[in-house]
């Protein structure tokens, strides 16, 4: 085994996995909010374009 500055034990790996899980738990609602706002703006833009196009006819 190569000598390293850091030694990673099973406890460290468990802590890292737990931390990654916490980050994803915190980020997932934000992700859904961003997707929801983007989808809502896209639908609203489509409706506005359809109404504007209808008024031109």
PDB file of N, CA and C in Angstrom:
ATOM      1  N   UNK A   1       0.850  -1.185   0.000  1.00  0.00           N
ATOM      2  CA  UNK A   1       0.000   0.000   0.000  1.00  0.00           C
ATOM      3  C   UNK A   1       0.887   1.237   0.000  1.00  0.00           C
ATOM      4  N   UNK A   2       0.478   2.209  -0.790  1.00  0.00           N
ATOM      5  CA  UNK A   2       1.266   3.430  -0.879  1.00  0.00           C
ATOM      6  C   UNK A   2       1.087   4.278   0.383  1.00  0.00           C
ATOM      7  N   UNK A   3       2.161   4.899   0.832  1.00  0.00           N
ATOM      8  CA  UNK A   3       2.013   5.784   1.997  1.00  0.00           C
ATOM      9  C   UNK A   3       1.230   7.043   1.601  1.00  0.00           C
ATOM     10  N   UNK A   4       0.258   7.399   2.390  1.00  0.00           N
ATOM     11  CA  UNK A   4      -0.536   8.595   2.103  1.00  0.00           C
ATOM     12  C   UNK A   4      -0.602   9.474   3.338  1.00  0.00           C
ATOM     13  N   UNK A   5      -0.919  10.722   3.109  1.00  0.00           N
ATOM     14  CA  UNK A   5      -1.082  11.648   4.227  1.00  0.00           C
ATOM     15  C   UNK A   5      -2.378  11.330   4.958  1.00  0.00           C
ATOM     16  N   UNK A   6      -3.412  10.981   4.187  1.00  0.00           N
ATOM     17  CA  UNK A   6      -4.725  10.713   4.764  1.00  0.00           C
ATOM     18  C   UNK A   6      -4.953   9.211   4.840  1.00  0.00           C
ATOM     19  N   UNK A   7      -5.464   8.775   5.952  1.00  0.00           N
ATOM     20  CA  UNK A   7      -5.891   7.380   6.054  1.00  0.00           C
ATOM     21  C   UNK A   7      -7.406   7.387   6.177  1.00  0.00           C
ATOM     22  N   UNK A   8      -8.066   6.664   5.294  1.00  0.00           N
ATOM     23  CA  UNK A   8      -9.528   6.638   5.278  1.00  0.00           C
ATOM     24  C   UNK A   8      -9.989   5.335   5.909  1.00  0.00           C
ATOM     25  N   UNK A   9     -10.763   5.461   6.955  1.00  0.00           N
ATOM     26  CA  UNK A   9     -11.288   4.281   7.639  1.00  0.00           C
ATOM     27  C   UNK A   9     -12.755   4.095   7.263  1.00  0.00           C
ATOM     28  N   UNK A  10     -13.326   3.010   7.725  1.00  0.00           N
ATOM     29  CA  UNK A  10     -14.735   2.746   7.462  1.00  0.00           C
ATOM     30  C   UNK A  10     -15.630   3.821   8.049  1.00  0.00           C
ATOM     31  N   UNK A  11     -15.256   4.347   9.213  1.00  0.00           N
ATOM     32  CA  UNK A  11     -16.053   5.413   9.831  1.00  0.00           C
ATOM     33  C   UNK A  11     -16.039   6.666   8.966  1.00  0.00           C
ATOM     34  N   UNK A  12     -14.884   6.972   8.373  1.00  0.00           N
ATOM     35  CA  UNK A  12     -14.787   8.144   7.502  1.00  0.00           C
ATOM     36  C   UNK A  12     -15.686   7.989   6.280  1.00  0.00           C
ATOM     37  N   UNK A  13     -15.677   6.798   5.697  1.00  0.00           N
ATOM     38  CA  UNK A  13     -16.505   6.553   4.510  1.00  0.00           C
ATOM     39  C   UNK A  13     -17.985   6.689   4.869  1.00  0.00           C
ATOM     40  N   UNK A  14     -18.371   6.160   6.022  1.00  0.00           N
ATOM     41  CA  UNK A  14     -19.760   6.278   6.467  1.00  0.00           C
ATOM     42  C   UNK A  14     -20.137   7.742   6.666  1.00  0.00           C
ATOM     43  N   UNK A  15     -19.233   8.520   7.259  1.00  0.00           N
ATOM     44  CA  UNK A  15     -19.500   9.941   7.481  1.00  0.00           C
ATOM     45  C   UNK A  15     -19.625  10.686   6.157  1.00  0.00           C
ATOM     46  N   UNK A  16     -18.767  10.343   5.193  1.00  0.00           N
ATOM     47  CA  UNK A  16     -18.813  10.997   3.876  1.00  0.00           C
ATOM     48  C   UNK A  16     -20.135  10.686   3.184  1.00  0.00           C
ATOM     49  N   UNK A  17     -20.546   9.418   3.208  1.00  0.00           N
ATOM     50  CA  UNK A  17     -21.815   9.032   2.570  1.00  0.00           C
ATOM     51  C   UNK A  17     -22.985   9.736   3.254  1.00  0.00           C
ATOM     52  N   UNK A  18     -22.950   9.821   4.581  1.00  0.00           N
ATOM     53  CA  UNK A  18     -24.005  10.522   5.314  1.00  0.00           C
ATOM     54  C   UNK A  18     -24.054  11.995   4.953  1.00  0.00           C
ATOM     55  N   UNK A  19     -22.880  12.620   4.814  1.00  0.00           N
ATOM     56  CA  UNK A  19     -22.827  14.042   4.461  1.00  0.00           C
ATOM     57  C   UNK A  19     -23.383  14.269   3.058  1.00  0.00           C
ATOM     58  N   UNK A  20     -23.013  13.389   2.114  1.00  0.00           N
ATOM     59  CA  UNK A  20     -23.527  13.512   0.745  1.00  0.00           C
ATOM     60  C   UNK A  20     -25.045  13.354   0.749  1.00  0.00           C
ATOM     61  N   UNK A  21     -25.550  12.414   1.541  1.00  0.00           N
ATOM     62  CA  UNK A  21     -26.996  12.230   1.653  1.00  0.00           C
ATOM     63  C   UNK A  21     -27.691  13.465   2.196  1.00  0.00           C
ATOM     64  N   UNK A  22     -27.084  14.117   3.196  1.00  0.00           N
ATOM     65  CA  UNK A  22     -27.661  15.347   3.754  1.00  0.00           C
ATOM     66  C   UNK A  22     -27.679  16.459   2.719  1.00  0.00           C
ATOM     67  N   UNK A  23     -26.610  16.587   1.949  1.00  0.00           N
ATOM     68  CA  UNK A  23     -26.542  17.636   0.922  1.00  0.00           C
ATOM     69  C   UNK A  23     -27.637  17.421  -0.108  1.00  0.00           C
ATOM     70  N   UNK A  24     -27.809  16.171  -0.573  1.00  0.00           N
ATOM     71  CA  UNK A  24     -28.843  15.904  -1.567  1.00  0.00           C
ATOM     72  C   UNK A  24     -30.237  16.103  -0.985  1.00  0.00           C
ATOM     73  N   UNK A  25     -30.418  15.810   0.296  1.00  0.00           N
ATOM     74  CA  UNK A  25     -31.715  16.029   0.938  1.00  0.00           C
ATOM     75  C   UNK A  25     -32.028  17.518   0.981  1.00  0.00           C
ATOM     76  N   UNK A  26     -31.011  18.345   1.245  1.00  0.00           N
ATOM     77  CA  UNK A  26     -31.215  19.789   1.311  1.00  0.00           C
ATOM     78  C   UNK A  26     -31.417  20.394  -0.071  1.00  0.00           C
ATOM     79  N   UNK A  27     -30.778  19.833  -1.091  1.00  0.00           N
ATOM     80  CA  UNK A  27     -30.803  20.425  -2.428  1.00  0.00           C
ATOM     81  C   UNK A  27     -32.041  19.999  -3.207  1.00  0.00           C
ATOM     82  N   UNK A  28     -32.596  18.818  -2.930  1.00  0.00           N
ATOM     83  CA  UNK A  28     -33.685  18.319  -3.772  1.00  0.00           C
ATOM     84  C   UNK A  28     -34.921  19.221  -3.772  1.00  0.00           C
ATOM     85  N   UNK A  29     -35.369  19.806  -2.655  1.00  0.00           N
ATOM     86  CA  UNK A  29     -36.514  20.730  -2.758  1.00  0.00           C
ATOM     87  C   UNK A  29     -36.186  21.944  -3.624  1.00  0.00           C
ATOM     88  N   UNK A  30     -34.956  22.434  -3.516  1.00  0.00           N
ATOM     89  CA  UNK A  30     -34.533  23.573  -4.335  1.00  0.00           C
ATOM     90  C   UNK A  30     -34.572  23.210  -5.811  1.00  0.00           C
ATOM     91  N   UNK A  31     -34.156  21.995  -6.133  1.00  0.00           N
ATOM     92  CA  UNK A  31     -34.188  21.524  -7.520  1.00  0.00           C
ATOM     93  C   UNK A  31     -35.621  21.515  -8.044  1.00  0.00           C
ATOM     94  N   UNK A  32     -36.550  20.999  -7.236  1.00  0.00           N
ATOM     95  CA  UNK A  32     -37.946  20.943  -7.670  1.00  0.00           C
ATOM     96  C   UNK A  32     -38.537  22.344  -7.813  1.00  0.00           C
ATOM     97  N   UNK A  33     -38.140  23.274  -6.953  1.00  0.00           N
ATOM     98  CA  UNK A  33     -38.621  24.655  -7.059  1.00  0.00           C
ATOM     99  C   UNK A  33     -38.129  25.279  -8.358  1.00  0.00           C
ATOM    100  N   UNK A  34     -36.852  25.076  -8.688  1.00  0.00           N
ATOM    101  CA  UNK A  34     -36.294  25.640  -9.920  1.00  0.00           C
ATOM    102  C   UNK A  34     -36.983  25.046 -11.141  1.00  0.00           C
ATOM    103  N   UNK A  35     -37.170  23.730 -11.152  1.00  0.00           N
ATOM    104  CA  UNK A  35     -37.846  23.082 -12.280  1.00  0.00           C
ATOM    105  C   UNK A  35     -39.291  23.573 -12.379  1.00  0.00           C
ATOM    106  N   UNK A  36     -39.973  23.700 -11.253  1.00  0.00           N
ATOM    107  CA  UNK A  36     -41.361  24.160 -11.249  1.00  0.00           C
ATOM    108  C   UNK A  36     -41.498  25.581 -11.768  1.00  0.00           C
ATOM    109  N   UNK A  37     -40.612  26.472 -11.335  1.00  0.00           N
ATOM    110  CA  UNK A  37     -40.663  27.858 -11.809  1.00  0.00           C
ATOM    111  C   UNK A  37     -40.368  27.914 -13.300  1.00  0.00           C
ATOM    112  N   UNK A  38     -39.367  27.163 -13.746  1.00  0.00           N
ATOM    113  CA  UNK A  38     -39.031  27.152 -15.175  1.00  0.00           C
ATOM    114  C   UNK A  38     -40.207  26.649 -16.007  1.00  0.00           C
ATOM    115  N   UNK A  39     -40.820  25.569 -15.569  1.00  0.00           N
ATOM    116  CA  UNK A  39     -41.962  25.007 -16.291  1.00  0.00           C
ATOM    117  C   UNK A  39     -43.137  25.987 -16.293  1.00  0.00           C
ATOM    118  N   UNK A  40     -43.386  26.614 -15.155  1.00  0.00           N
ATOM    119  CA  UNK A  40     -44.472  27.591 -15.063  1.00  0.00           C
ATOM    120  C   UNK A  40     -44.255  28.777 -15.991  1.00  0.00           C
ATOM    121  N   UNK A  41     -43.023  29.289 -16.039  1.00  0.00           N
ATOM    122  CA  UNK A  41     -42.730  30.417 -16.931  1.00  0.00           C
ATOM    123  C   UNK A  41     -42.863  30.010 -18.391  1.00  0.00           C
ATOM    124  N   UNK A  42     -42.457  28.786 -18.709  1.00  0.00           N
ATOM    125  CA  UNK A  42     -42.567  28.305 -20.090  1.00  0.00           C
ATOM    126  C   UNK A  42     -44.037  28.210 -20.507  1.00  0.00           C
ATOM    127  N   UNK A  43     -44.875  27.667 -19.625  1.00  0.00           N
ATOM    128  CA  UNK A  43     -46.309  27.551 -19.921  1.00  0.00           C
ATOM    129  C   UNK A  43     -46.934  28.942 -20.038  1.00  0.00           C
ATOM    130  N   UNK A  44     -46.583  29.840 -19.123  1.00  0.00           N
ATOM    131  CA  UNK A  44     -47.113  31.201 -19.166  1.00  0.00           C
ATOM    132  C   UNK A  44     -46.705  31.898 -20.463  1.00  0.00           C
ATOM    133  N   UNK A  45     -45.446  31.724 -20.871  1.00  0.00           N
ATOM    134  CA  UNK A  45     -44.980  32.306 -22.132  1.00  0.00           C
ATOM    135  C   UNK A  45     -45.733  31.746 -23.322  1.00  0.00           C
ATOM    136  N   UNK A  46     -46.011  30.456 -23.301  1.00  0.00           N
ATOM    137  CA  UNK A  46     -46.770  29.834 -24.393  1.00  0.00           C
ATOM    138  C   UNK A  46     -48.182  30.406 -24.471  1.00  0.00           C
ATOM    139  N   UNK A  47     -48.808  30.598 -23.326  1.00  0.00           N
ATOM    140  CA  UNK A  47     -50.163  31.162 -23.299  1.00  0.00           C
ATOM    141  C   UNK A  47     -50.145  32.597 -23.823  1.00  0.00           C
ATOM    142  N   UNK A  48     -49.178  33.389 -23.390  1.00  0.00           N
ATOM    143  CA  UNK A  48     -49.093  34.782 -23.841  1.00  0.00           C
ATOM    144  C   UNK A  48     -48.868  34.843 -25.348  1.00  0.00           C
ATOM    145  N   UNK A  49     -47.994  33.974 -25.864  1.00  0.00           N
ATOM    146  CA  UNK A  49     -47.760  33.947 -27.318  1.00  0.00           C
ATOM    147  C   UNK A  49     -49.019  33.540 -28.069  1.00  0.00           C
ATOM    148  N   UNK A  50     -49.754  32.574 -27.540  1.00  0.00           N
ATOM    149  CA  UNK A  50     -50.982  32.119 -28.206  1.00  0.00           C
ATOM    150  C   UNK A  50     -52.025  33.233 -28.227  1.00  0.00           C
ATOM    151  N   UNK A  51     -52.157  33.955 -27.124  1.00  0.00           N
ATOM    152  CA  UNK A  51     -53.129  35.051 -27.057  1.00  0.00           C
ATOM    153  C   UNK A  51     -52.700  36.179 -27.987  1.00  0.00           C
ATOM    154  N   UNK A  52     -51.419  36.515 -27.998  1.00  0.00           N
ATOM    155  CA  UNK A  52     -50.929  37.582 -28.872  1.00  0.00           C
ATOM    156  C   UNK A  52     -51.104  37.185 -30.336  1.00  0.00           C
ATOM    157  N   UNK A  53     -50.864  35.933 -30.646  1.00  0.00           N
ATOM    158  CA  UNK A  53     -51.018  35.457 -32.027  1.00  0.00           C
ATOM    159  C   UNK A  53     -52.488  35.501 -32.444  1.00  0.00           C
ATOM    160  N   UNK A  54     -53.372  35.184 -31.518  1.00  0.00           N
ATOM    161  CA  UNK A  54     -54.812  35.190 -31.814  1.00  0.00           C
ATOM    162  C   UNK A  54     -55.293  36.623 -32.082  1.00  0.00           C
ATOM    163  N   UNK A  55     -54.754  37.616 -31.359  1.00  0.00           N
ATOM    164  CA  UNK A  55     -55.178  39.005 -31.541  1.00  0.00           C
ATOM    165  C   UNK A  55     -54.745  39.544 -32.901  1.00  0.00           C
ATOM    166  N   UNK A  56     -53.627  39.026 -33.446  1.00  0.00           N
ATOM    167  CA  UNK A  56     -53.141  39.484 -34.749  1.00  0.00           C
ATOM    168  C   UNK A  56     -54.067  39.044 -35.875  1.00  0.00           C
ATOM    169  N   UNK A  57     -54.734  37.917 -35.714  1.00  0.00           N
ATOM    170  CA  UNK A  57     -55.597  37.385 -36.790  1.00  0.00           C
ATOM    171  C   UNK A  57     -56.843  38.187 -37.007  1.00  0.00           C
TER     172      UNK A  57
END
